[in-house]
Amino acid sequence: MSPEDSSSTEDDHTKELTVASHRVKPVIDPLAPPTKFQLWFYAVIASVIMGLTRLWFGARLEGAEHVPASGPFILAPVHRSNVDFALVVRIAGRRRMRYLAKDTLWKGPLGRIWSALGAIPVHRGSADREALTACIGVLEQGEPLVMFPEGTRQSGPAVTELFDGVAYVQAKTGVIVLPVGIGGSEQAMPKGARFPRRKKVVVRIGAPLAPLPLTPTGRVPRNAVRDRTAELKTVLQRLFDDTRRAAGTE
């Protein structure tokens, strides 16, 4: 190993230790099998959310034929508003979807509620390997997973640079990725807003991105992960442009 590689490895290890020391630990293991109560609670909340998004936003869902009826997959939406979480719930209906959420939500008594709703804590602004490991485990258990590839809420019509997390998890699990454009959510509830406005919202699910091809040794090359991230960004931008136009916000 060269000095540069050694230094890089030490830096990565230091970053991992820093994240581990600051991340908030959930009381409930995200890989623990869901209880009957948790499944019932999720189904009730999902039904309420789906009804409210239809009533308040008149939310239109397109491309539902791309969603598998069973088995794991990664949902990769653009992220412009807090209501995006509610809007993507409809995609899988009452079937529980797992998703990443900032770990600070687990501070205090609400942590158990977030866990019951399928959330996985992630330390934002960093490569949280513990969260990525949990994502891989969730998919291996057969559950669908929501990952916002832009990392956190962004603003404006351009899809920002994506993290490699979605492509990395796909490479490790071999599941499909469903890109999702959401038009109008930023206008419905921009950053700083306390209550969503009654604006038209359109959600469009794109054609699935197939699992990444393996090398003869059964691995996915790093450049393939980077290429998939670039491909996902291009597809998301097209879907985002289309849904913004359909929602009348372009």
Protein backbone atom coordinates (compact mmCIF):
# COMPACT_ATOMS: atom_id res chain seq x y z
CA MET A 1 0.00 0.00 0.00
CA SER A 2 1.33 3.41 -0.97
CA PRO A 3 1.65 6.28 1.55
CA GLU A 4 -1.20 8.02 -0.27
CA ASP A 5 -3.46 4.96 0.07
CA SER A 6 -2.49 4.58 3.73
CA SER A 7 -3.27 8.24 4.41
CA SER A 8 -6.60 7.94 2.60
CA THR A 9 -7.54 4.85 4.60
CA GLU A 10 -6.66 6.59 7.88
CA ASP A 11 -8.70 9.63 6.87
CA ASP A 12 -11.71 7.45 6.02
CA HIS A 13 -11.38 5.62 9.34
CA THR A 14 -11.21 8.94 11.21
CA LYS A 15 -14.35 10.17 9.42
CA GLU A 16 -16.19 6.95 10.30
CA LEU A 17 -15.24 7.33 13.98
CA THR A 18 -16.39 10.96 13.94
CA VAL A 19 -19.77 10.03 12.45
CA ALA A 20 -20.18 7.14 14.90
CA SER A 21 -19.51 9.42 17.86
CA HIS A 22 -22.08 12.01 16.77
CA ARG A 23 -24.93 9.94 15.29
CA VAL A 24 -28.04 9.37 17.41
CA LYS A 25 -28.69 5.69 18.08
CA PRO A 26 -32.25 4.37 17.65
CA VAL A 27 -33.79 2.41 20.50
CA ILE A 28 -35.17 -0.15 18.01
CA ASP A 29 -32.76 -2.00 15.71
CA PRO A 30 -33.70 -1.00 12.12
CA LEU A 31 -33.10 -4.60 11.02
CA ALA A 32 -35.35 -6.12 13.68
CA PRO A 33 -38.45 -7.85 12.21
CA PRO A 34 -41.46 -5.51 12.41
CA THR A 35 -44.06 -6.30 15.03
CA LYS A 36 -47.74 -6.66 14.18
CA PHE A 37 -48.35 -3.31 15.84
CA GLN A 38 -45.67 -1.60 13.76
CA LEU A 39 -47.16 -2.99 10.52
CA TRP A 40 -50.66 -1.97 11.58
CA PHE A 41 -49.47 1.48 12.66
CA TYR A 42 -47.67 2.03 9.34
CA ALA A 43 -50.71 0.89 7.34
CA VAL A 44 -52.98 3.30 9.22
CA ILE A 45 -50.62 6.27 8.87
CA ALA A 46 -49.96 5.46 5.18
CA SER A 47 -53.71 5.34 4.46
CA VAL A 48 -54.23 8.71 6.14
CA ILE A 49 -51.28 10.26 4.29
CA MET A 50 -52.43 8.93 0.92
CA GLY A 51 -55.90 10.34 1.48
CA LEU A 52 -54.59 13.73 2.55
CA THR A 53 -52.16 14.09 -0.38
CA ARG A 54 -54.95 13.28 -2.84
CA LEU A 55 -57.35 15.69 -1.16
CA TRP A 56 -54.98 18.60 -0.50
CA PHE A 57 -52.63 18.47 -3.49
CA GLY A 58 -54.72 16.50 -5.97
CA ALA A 59 -51.46 14.55 -6.26
CA ARG A 60 -51.19 12.70 -9.55
CA LEU A 61 -49.14 9.50 -9.67
CA GLU A 62 -47.73 8.35 -13.01
CA GLY A 63 -45.64 5.30 -13.87
CA ALA A 64 -47.08 3.01 -11.18
CA GLU A 65 -46.72 0.10 -13.61
CA HIS A 66 -42.97 0.18 -12.96
CA VAL A 67 -43.40 -0.66 -9.25
CA PRO A 68 -42.94 -4.38 -8.42
CA ALA A 69 -45.86 -5.97 -6.59
CA SER A 70 -43.43 -7.69 -4.23
CA GLY A 71 -39.74 -7.91 -3.44
CA PRO A 72 -37.15 -5.24 -2.67
CA PHE A 73 -36.30 -2.18 -4.74
CA ILE A 74 -34.79 1.27 -4.22
CA LEU A 75 -36.94 4.34 -4.76
CA ALA A 76 -34.76 7.34 -5.67
CA PRO A 77 -36.76 10.61 -5.75
CA VAL A 78 -35.67 14.20 -6.17
CA HIS A 79 -36.02 16.13 -2.91
CA ARG A 80 -37.36 19.68 -2.71
CA SER A 81 -39.77 19.63 0.22
CA ASN A 82 -40.68 17.92 3.48
CA VAL A 83 -43.91 16.74 1.84
CA ASP A 84 -41.86 14.52 -0.52
CA PHE A 85 -41.89 11.83 2.17
CA ALA A 86 -45.69 11.84 2.21
CA LEU A 87 -45.92 11.86 -1.57
CA VAL A 88 -43.75 8.78 -2.10
CA VAL A 89 -45.69 6.73 0.50
CA ARG A 90 -48.44 6.31 -2.07
CA ILE A 91 -46.11 4.52 -4.46
CA ALA A 92 -46.10 1.29 -2.44
CA GLY A 93 -49.59 1.71 -1.00
CA ARG A 94 -50.01 0.16 2.44
CA ARG A 95 -46.89 -1.97 2.02
CA ARG A 96 -44.25 -0.69 4.43
CA MET A 97 -41.42 1.23 2.82
CA ARG A 98 -38.19 1.97 4.63
CA TYR A 99 -36.47 5.32 4.29
CA LEU A 100 -33.53 7.31 5.58
CA ALA A 101 -34.19 10.21 7.93
CA LYS A 102 -31.87 12.55 9.82
CA ASP A 103 -30.75 10.91 13.05
CA THR A 104 -31.64 13.95 15.17
CA LEU A 105 -35.30 12.94 14.82
CA TRP A 106 -34.54 10.10 17.24
CA LYS A 107 -33.80 12.53 20.07
CA GLY A 108 -36.58 12.30 22.63
CA PRO A 109 -39.71 10.14 22.78
CA LEU A 110 -40.61 10.35 19.07
CA GLY A 111 -37.77 8.03 18.11
CA ARG A 112 -39.91 4.92 18.58
CA ILE A 113 -42.59 6.37 16.31
CA TRP A 114 -40.08 7.02 13.51
CA SER A 115 -38.79 3.47 13.87
CA ALA A 116 -42.33 2.07 13.75
CA LEU A 117 -42.85 4.01 10.52
CA GLY A 118 -39.84 2.27 8.97
CA ALA A 119 -37.29 5.08 9.21
CA ILE A 120 -33.55 4.42 9.39
CA PRO A 121 -31.41 7.12 11.06
CA VAL A 122 -28.61 8.65 9.00
CA HIS A 123 -26.00 11.23 10.01
CA ARG A 124 -26.43 13.86 7.31
CA GLY A 125 -23.60 15.46 5.40
CA SER A 126 -21.33 12.42 5.58
CA ALA A 127 -20.88 8.88 4.33
CA ASP A 128 -22.67 7.11 7.18
CA ARG A 129 -21.53 3.53 6.67
CA GLU A 130 -23.72 2.22 9.49
CA ALA A 131 -26.79 3.63 7.74
CA LEU A 132 -25.69 2.17 4.39
CA THR A 133 -25.20 -1.23 6.04
CA ALA A 134 -28.73 -1.00 7.44
CA CYS A 135 -30.04 -0.12 3.96
CA ILE A 136 -28.39 -3.21 2.51
CA GLY A 137 -29.85 -5.36 5.29
CA VAL A 138 -33.36 -3.97 4.75
CA LEU A 139 -33.26 -4.82 1.05
CA GLU A 140 -31.88 -8.28 1.75
CA GLN A 141 -34.90 -8.81 4.00
CA GLY A 142 -37.16 -8.05 1.05
CA GLU A 143 -38.42 -4.57 1.92
CA PRO A 144 -38.52 -1.56 -0.46
CA LEU A 145 -36.30 1.38 0.46
CA VAL A 146 -36.49 5.14 -0.22
CA MET A 147 -33.15 6.93 -0.68
CA PHE A 148 -33.01 10.60 -1.68
CA PRO A 149 -29.83 10.65 -3.80
CA GLU A 150 -29.36 14.42 -3.41
CA GLY A 151 -28.91 13.76 0.30
CA THR A 152 -31.10 16.50 1.75
CA ARG A 153 -33.65 19.01 0.55
CA GLN A 154 -32.44 21.16 -2.31
CA SER A 155 -33.97 24.13 -4.08
CA GLY A 156 -34.50 25.10 -7.68
CA PRO A 157 -35.04 23.30 -11.01
CA ALA A 158 -31.61 21.67 -11.34
CA VAL A 159 -30.88 18.27 -9.82
CA THR A 160 -27.76 18.75 -7.71
CA GLU A 161 -24.75 16.45 -7.60
CA LEU A 162 -25.78 13.07 -6.27
CA PHE A 163 -24.17 10.98 -3.57
CA ASP A 164 -23.06 7.50 -4.63
CA GLY A 165 -25.15 5.89 -1.87
CA VAL A 166 -27.97 4.68 -4.13
CA ALA A 167 -25.58 3.13 -6.67
CA TYR A 168 -23.43 1.65 -3.90
CA VAL A 169 -26.38 -0.03 -2.19
CA GLN A 170 -27.67 -1.26 -5.55
CA ALA A 171 -24.25 -2.75 -6.31
CA LYS A 172 -24.27 -4.57 -2.98
CA THR A 173 -27.81 -5.95 -3.31
CA GLY A 174 -28.56 -6.34 -7.01
CA VAL A 175 -32.01 -4.71 -6.79
CA ILE A 176 -33.57 -2.33 -9.30
CA VAL A 177 -33.63 1.44 -8.79
CA LEU A 178 -36.79 3.40 -9.56
CA PRO A 179 -36.04 7.09 -10.26
CA VAL A 180 -38.84 9.46 -9.24
CA GLY A 181 -39.55 13.02 -10.30
CA ILE A 182 -41.73 15.19 -8.05
CA GLY A 183 -43.00 18.44 -9.52
CA GLY A 184 -44.68 21.15 -7.47
CA SER A 185 -43.69 20.03 -3.97
CA GLU A 186 -41.31 22.95 -3.44
CA GLN A 187 -44.09 25.38 -4.27
CA ALA A 188 -46.45 23.45 -2.00
CA MET A 189 -44.10 23.57 0.99
CA PRO A 190 -40.79 25.37 0.49
CA LYS A 191 -38.06 25.51 3.12
CA GLY A 192 -39.20 27.54 6.10
CA ALA A 193 -42.93 26.95 5.51
CA ARG A 194 -44.87 25.63 8.50
CA PHE A 195 -47.88 24.34 6.59
CA PRO A 196 -48.28 23.01 3.03
CA ARG A 197 -50.04 25.18 0.51
CA ARG A 198 -52.73 23.85 -1.79
CA LYS A 199 -50.67 23.47 -4.96
CA LYS A 200 -50.79 20.93 -7.77
CA VAL A 201 -48.22 18.14 -7.39
CA VAL A 202 -47.23 15.47 -9.91
CA VAL A 203 -45.19 12.36 -9.09
CA ARG A 204 -43.72 10.32 -11.94
CA ILE A 205 -41.92 7.00 -11.57
CA GLY A 206 -39.40 6.33 -14.30
CA ALA A 207 -38.41 3.04 -15.89
CA PRO A 208 -36.28 0.90 -13.54
CA LEU A 209 -32.51 1.03 -13.70
CA ALA A 210 -31.39 -2.59 -13.91
CA PRO A 211 -28.89 -4.12 -11.47
CA LEU A 212 -25.26 -3.34 -12.24
CA PRO A 213 -23.31 -6.04 -14.12
CA LEU A 214 -20.78 -8.02 -12.13
CA THR A 215 -17.16 -8.76 -12.99
CA PRO A 216 -16.02 -12.42 -13.31
CA THR A 217 -15.07 -12.23 -9.61
CA GLY A 218 -18.63 -11.26 -8.66
CA ARG A 219 -17.91 -7.62 -7.85
CA VAL A 220 -19.09 -4.28 -9.21
CA PRO A 221 -16.24 -1.94 -10.27
CA ARG A 222 -16.09 1.49 -8.64
CA ASN A 223 -16.29 3.21 -12.00
CA ALA A 224 -19.59 1.37 -12.64
CA VAL A 225 -20.97 2.83 -9.41
CA ARG A 226 -19.91 6.33 -10.45
CA ASP A 227 -21.39 5.82 -13.92
CA ARG A 228 -24.69 4.67 -12.44
CA THR A 229 -24.79 7.79 -10.24
CA ALA A 230 -24.25 9.96 -13.33
CA GLU A 231 -26.95 8.04 -15.22
CA LEU A 232 -29.38 8.44 -12.33
CA LYS A 233 -28.75 12.20 -12.25
CA THR A 234 -29.57 12.48 -15.96
CA VAL A 235 -32.76 10.43 -15.62
CA LEU A 236 -33.88 12.34 -12.52
CA GLN A 237 -33.37 15.67 -14.26
CA ARG A 238 -35.57 14.58 -17.15
CA LEU A 239 -38.30 13.32 -14.80
CA PHE A 240 -38.06 16.45 -12.68
CA ASP A 241 -38.39 18.70 -15.74
CA ASP A 242 -41.42 16.71 -16.95
CA THR A 243 -43.21 16.77 -13.59
CA ARG A 244 -42.50 20.46 -13.02
CA ARG A 245 -44.00 21.17 -16.43
CA ALA A 246 -47.03 18.97 -15.67
CA ALA A 247 -47.53 20.70 -12.32
CA GLY A 248 -47.31 24.12 -13.95
CA THR A 249 -44.22 25.22 -12.05
CA GLU A 250 -41.66 25.32 -14.87
